[in-house]
Amino acid sequence: MVWKLRYSSSARHSLKKMPRETAFMLLSKLKALSEEDDPRLYLKELKGFENPHFYSLRAGQYRAVMTVLDDLLIIHVVEAGHRSSVYRKF
């Protein structure tokens, strides 16, 4: 089952700003995640969010925050950035 990846404008901007090799590493992890049957098995659920649930994916010192929409088979990447600042927007 292949999930579709969607990026918010903020996530796209953050990916362009981060170091090139880190962005490629994060994008390759997201691509591999989209090919899994159940991507939630590889994500950490963030506390304090009920509807929608937010999840985090690690790539070195950087994180991608996303939601997973089951009925549409979409992984929506909301934000990406360094772990010290990415969670401040939530």
N, C-alpha and C. Protein backbone atom coordinates (compact mmCIF):
# COMPACT_ATOMS: atom_id res chain seq x y z
N MET A 1 0.84 -1.17 0.00
CA MET A 1 0.00 0.00 0.00
C MET A 1 0.89 1.24 0.00
N VAL A 2 0.66 2.13 -0.93
CA VAL A 2 1.47 3.33 -1.04
C VAL A 2 0.68 4.53 -0.55
N TRP A 3 1.27 5.24 0.39
CA TRP A 3 0.67 6.45 0.94
C TRP A 3 1.19 7.65 0.14
N LYS A 4 0.36 8.66 0.00
CA LYS A 4 0.76 9.89 -0.68
C LYS A 4 1.36 10.84 0.34
N LEU A 5 2.43 11.50 -0.04
CA LEU A 5 3.06 12.50 0.81
C LEU A 5 2.61 13.89 0.37
N ARG A 6 2.18 14.70 1.32
CA ARG A 6 1.80 16.09 1.06
C ARG A 6 2.59 16.96 2.04
N TYR A 7 3.07 18.09 1.56
CA TYR A 7 3.87 19.00 2.38
C TYR A 7 3.19 20.35 2.48
N SER A 8 3.16 20.91 3.68
CA SER A 8 2.64 22.28 3.84
C SER A 8 3.69 23.24 3.30
N SER A 9 3.31 24.47 3.05
CA SER A 9 4.26 25.47 2.54
C SER A 9 5.36 25.73 3.57
N SER A 10 5.00 25.68 4.83
CA SER A 10 5.99 25.87 5.90
C SER A 10 7.01 24.73 5.92
N ALA A 11 6.56 23.51 5.71
CA ALA A 11 7.47 22.36 5.68
C ALA A 11 8.40 22.45 4.47
N ARG A 12 7.87 22.83 3.31
CA ARG A 12 8.69 22.99 2.12
C ARG A 12 9.77 24.05 2.32
N HIS A 13 9.38 25.15 2.93
CA HIS A 13 10.32 26.23 3.20
C HIS A 13 11.42 25.76 4.15
N SER A 14 11.04 25.03 5.21
CA SER A 14 12.01 24.54 6.18
C SER A 14 12.97 23.53 5.56
N LEU A 15 12.48 22.69 4.67
CA LEU A 15 13.34 21.71 4.00
C LEU A 15 14.37 22.40 3.10
N LYS A 16 13.98 23.51 2.50
CA LYS A 16 14.92 24.25 1.65
C LYS A 16 16.00 24.95 2.49
N LYS A 17 15.66 25.33 3.72
CA LYS A 17 16.59 26.06 4.58
C LYS A 17 17.60 25.16 5.29
N MET A 18 17.24 23.89 5.52
CA MET A 18 18.14 23.01 6.27
C MET A 18 19.30 22.54 5.39
N PRO A 19 20.37 22.02 6.01
CA PRO A 19 21.50 21.53 5.23
C PRO A 19 21.07 20.48 4.20
N ARG A 20 21.69 20.51 3.04
CA ARG A 20 21.28 19.69 1.90
C ARG A 20 21.26 18.19 2.23
N GLU A 21 22.33 17.69 2.84
CA GLU A 21 22.38 16.25 3.13
C GLU A 21 21.34 15.85 4.18
N THR A 22 21.05 16.73 5.09
CA THR A 22 20.02 16.46 6.10
C THR A 22 18.64 16.43 5.46
N ALA A 23 18.39 17.35 4.56
CA ALA A 23 17.10 17.38 3.85
C ALA A 23 16.92 16.12 3.03
N PHE A 24 17.98 15.67 2.34
CA PHE A 24 17.89 14.44 1.55
C PHE A 24 17.64 13.23 2.45
N MET A 25 18.29 13.20 3.63
CA MET A 25 18.09 12.09 4.56
C MET A 25 16.64 12.08 5.06
N LEU A 26 16.12 13.24 5.41
CA LEU A 26 14.74 13.33 5.88
C LEU A 26 13.75 12.96 4.78
N LEU A 27 13.98 13.42 3.57
CA LEU A 27 13.09 13.09 2.45
C LEU A 27 13.13 11.60 2.11
N SER A 28 14.30 10.98 2.21
CA SER A 28 14.39 9.55 1.92
C SER A 28 13.66 8.74 2.99
N LYS A 29 13.73 9.19 4.25
CA LYS A 29 12.99 8.51 5.32
C LYS A 29 11.49 8.67 5.12
N LEU A 30 11.05 9.83 4.68
CA LEU A 30 9.63 10.05 4.41
C LEU A 30 9.16 9.20 3.23
N LYS A 31 10.00 9.08 2.21
CA LYS A 31 9.66 8.25 1.06
C LYS A 31 9.53 6.79 1.47
N ALA A 32 10.46 6.30 2.29
CA ALA A 32 10.40 4.91 2.78
C ALA A 32 9.16 4.71 3.65
N LEU A 33 8.82 5.73 4.44
CA LEU A 33 7.63 5.66 5.29
C LEU A 33 6.36 5.55 4.46
N SER A 34 6.33 6.22 3.32
CA SER A 34 5.13 6.20 2.47
C SER A 34 4.90 4.84 1.83
N GLU A 35 5.91 3.99 1.81
CA GLU A 35 5.78 2.67 1.21
C GLU A 35 5.41 1.58 2.22
N GLU A 36 5.29 1.95 3.49
CA GLU A 36 4.93 0.99 4.54
C GLU A 36 3.41 0.78 4.57
N ASP A 37 2.99 -0.37 5.11
CA ASP A 37 1.57 -0.64 5.25
C ASP A 37 0.93 0.22 6.33
N ASP A 38 1.61 0.33 7.48
CA ASP A 38 1.12 1.16 8.58
C ASP A 38 2.24 2.08 9.04
N PRO A 39 2.27 3.32 8.56
CA PRO A 39 3.39 4.21 8.90
C PRO A 39 3.46 4.58 10.38
N ARG A 40 2.38 4.45 11.12
CA ARG A 40 2.38 4.81 12.54
C ARG A 40 3.33 3.95 13.37
N LEU A 41 3.66 2.77 12.88
CA LEU A 41 4.57 1.89 13.61
C LEU A 41 5.97 2.48 13.69
N TYR A 42 6.31 3.40 12.80
CA TYR A 42 7.64 3.96 12.73
C TYR A 42 7.70 5.41 13.19
N LEU A 43 6.59 5.91 13.72
CA LEU A 43 6.49 7.30 14.16
C LEU A 43 6.25 7.38 15.65
N LYS A 44 6.65 8.51 16.23
CA LYS A 44 6.36 8.77 17.64
C LYS A 44 5.15 9.69 17.71
N GLU A 45 4.14 9.29 18.47
CA GLU A 45 2.94 10.12 18.61
C GLU A 45 3.23 11.24 19.60
N LEU A 46 2.87 12.46 19.24
CA LEU A 46 3.08 13.61 20.11
C LEU A 46 1.94 13.71 21.11
N LYS A 47 2.27 14.03 22.34
CA LYS A 47 1.26 14.13 23.39
C LYS A 47 0.54 15.47 23.31
N GLY A 48 -0.72 15.46 23.74
CA GLY A 48 -1.48 16.69 23.84
C GLY A 48 -2.33 17.01 22.62
N PHE A 49 -2.30 16.16 21.63
CA PHE A 49 -3.08 16.41 20.42
C PHE A 49 -4.05 15.26 20.21
N GLU A 50 -5.33 15.55 20.23
CA GLU A 50 -6.35 14.53 20.08
C GLU A 50 -6.88 14.44 18.66
N ASN A 51 -7.26 15.58 18.11
CA ASN A 51 -7.84 15.56 16.78
C ASN A 51 -7.31 16.73 15.97
N PRO A 52 -6.45 16.58 15.05
CA PRO A 52 -5.85 15.32 14.58
C PRO A 52 -4.64 14.95 15.43
N HIS A 53 -4.25 13.69 15.39
CA HIS A 53 -3.05 13.24 16.08
C HIS A 53 -1.84 13.69 15.27
N PHE A 54 -0.82 14.21 15.97
CA PHE A 54 0.42 14.59 15.33
C PHE A 54 1.48 13.55 15.64
N TYR A 55 2.37 13.32 14.67
CA TYR A 55 3.43 12.34 14.82
C TYR A 55 4.76 12.99 14.45
N SER A 56 5.86 12.41 14.96
CA SER A 56 7.18 12.93 14.70
C SER A 56 8.07 11.84 14.11
N LEU A 57 8.91 12.22 13.15
CA LEU A 57 9.88 11.32 12.53
C LEU A 57 11.26 11.91 12.74
N ARG A 58 12.19 11.09 13.24
CA ARG A 58 13.55 11.55 13.52
C ARG A 58 14.46 11.32 12.33
N ALA A 59 15.37 12.27 12.13
CA ALA A 59 16.45 12.13 11.15
C ALA A 59 17.65 12.90 11.70
N GLY A 60 18.45 12.26 12.51
CA GLY A 60 19.57 12.92 13.16
C GLY A 60 19.07 13.94 14.17
N GLN A 61 19.50 15.19 14.04
CA GLN A 61 19.07 16.26 14.93
C GLN A 61 17.81 16.97 14.43
N TYR A 62 17.27 16.50 13.33
CA TYR A 62 16.11 17.14 12.71
C TYR A 62 14.86 16.26 12.85
N ARG A 63 13.69 16.91 12.81
CA ARG A 63 12.42 16.21 12.96
C ARG A 63 11.43 16.69 11.91
N ALA A 64 10.51 15.79 11.56
CA ALA A 64 9.38 16.16 10.70
C ALA A 64 8.12 15.87 11.50
N VAL A 65 7.23 16.84 11.60
CA VAL A 65 5.97 16.70 12.31
C VAL A 65 4.88 16.52 11.25
N MET A 66 4.02 15.52 11.46
CA MET A 66 3.04 15.18 10.43
C MET A 66 1.76 14.65 11.02
N THR A 67 0.73 14.60 10.19
CA THR A 67 -0.51 13.91 10.51
C THR A 67 -0.68 12.78 9.50
N VAL A 68 -1.41 11.74 9.90
CA VAL A 68 -1.66 10.61 9.02
C VAL A 68 -3.17 10.50 8.83
N LEU A 69 -3.62 10.61 7.59
CA LEU A 69 -5.04 10.55 7.26
C LEU A 69 -5.34 9.17 6.67
N ASP A 70 -5.94 8.30 7.49
CA ASP A 70 -6.18 6.91 7.09
C ASP A 70 -7.12 6.77 5.90
N ASP A 71 -8.24 7.46 5.94
CA ASP A 71 -9.25 7.25 4.90
C ASP A 71 -8.79 7.71 3.52
N LEU A 72 -7.86 8.66 3.44
CA LEU A 72 -7.36 9.15 2.17
C LEU A 72 -5.98 8.60 1.81
N LEU A 73 -5.37 7.85 2.72
CA LEU A 73 -4.01 7.32 2.55
C LEU A 73 -3.00 8.44 2.26
N ILE A 74 -3.04 9.47 3.12
CA ILE A 74 -2.16 10.62 2.96
C ILE A 74 -1.36 10.85 4.24
N ILE A 75 -0.07 11.10 4.07
CA ILE A 75 0.79 11.57 5.16
C ILE A 75 1.04 13.05 4.89
N HIS A 76 0.55 13.91 5.77
CA HIS A 76 0.66 15.35 5.58
C HIS A 76 1.76 15.88 6.49
N VAL A 77 2.88 16.30 5.91
CA VAL A 77 4.00 16.84 6.67
C VAL A 77 3.70 18.31 6.95
N VAL A 78 3.55 18.62 8.23
CA VAL A 78 3.15 19.96 8.64
C VAL A 78 4.36 20.87 8.84
N GLU A 79 5.43 20.34 9.44
CA GLU A 79 6.61 21.14 9.75
C GLU A 79 7.84 20.26 9.77
N ALA A 80 8.99 20.83 9.45
CA ALA A 80 10.27 20.15 9.53
C ALA A 80 11.29 21.15 10.05
N GLY A 81 12.24 20.65 10.83
CA GLY A 81 13.27 21.55 11.34
C GLY A 81 14.11 20.91 12.42
N HIS A 82 14.99 21.71 13.01
CA HIS A 82 15.86 21.24 14.08
C HIS A 82 15.03 20.92 15.31
N ARG A 83 15.45 19.90 16.03
CA ARG A 83 14.65 19.43 17.17
C ARG A 83 14.50 20.47 18.27
N SER A 84 15.39 21.45 18.32
CA SER A 84 15.28 22.47 19.37
C SER A 84 14.16 23.47 19.10
N SER A 85 13.72 23.58 17.86
CA SER A 85 12.74 24.62 17.54
C SER A 85 11.48 24.12 16.84
N VAL A 86 11.48 22.92 16.33
CA VAL A 86 10.33 22.46 15.50
C VAL A 86 9.05 22.32 16.31
N TYR A 87 9.15 21.98 17.58
CA TYR A 87 7.96 21.74 18.39
C TYR A 87 7.36 23.02 18.97
N ARG A 88 8.03 24.13 18.85
CA ARG A 88 7.55 25.39 19.45
C ARG A 88 6.29 25.93 18.79
N LYS A 89 6.02 25.50 17.57
CA LYS A 89 4.86 25.99 16.84
C LYS A 89 3.58 25.27 17.23
N PHE A 90 3.71 24.23 18.06
CA PHE A 90 2.55 23.41 18.40
C PHE A 90 2.20 23.55 19.86
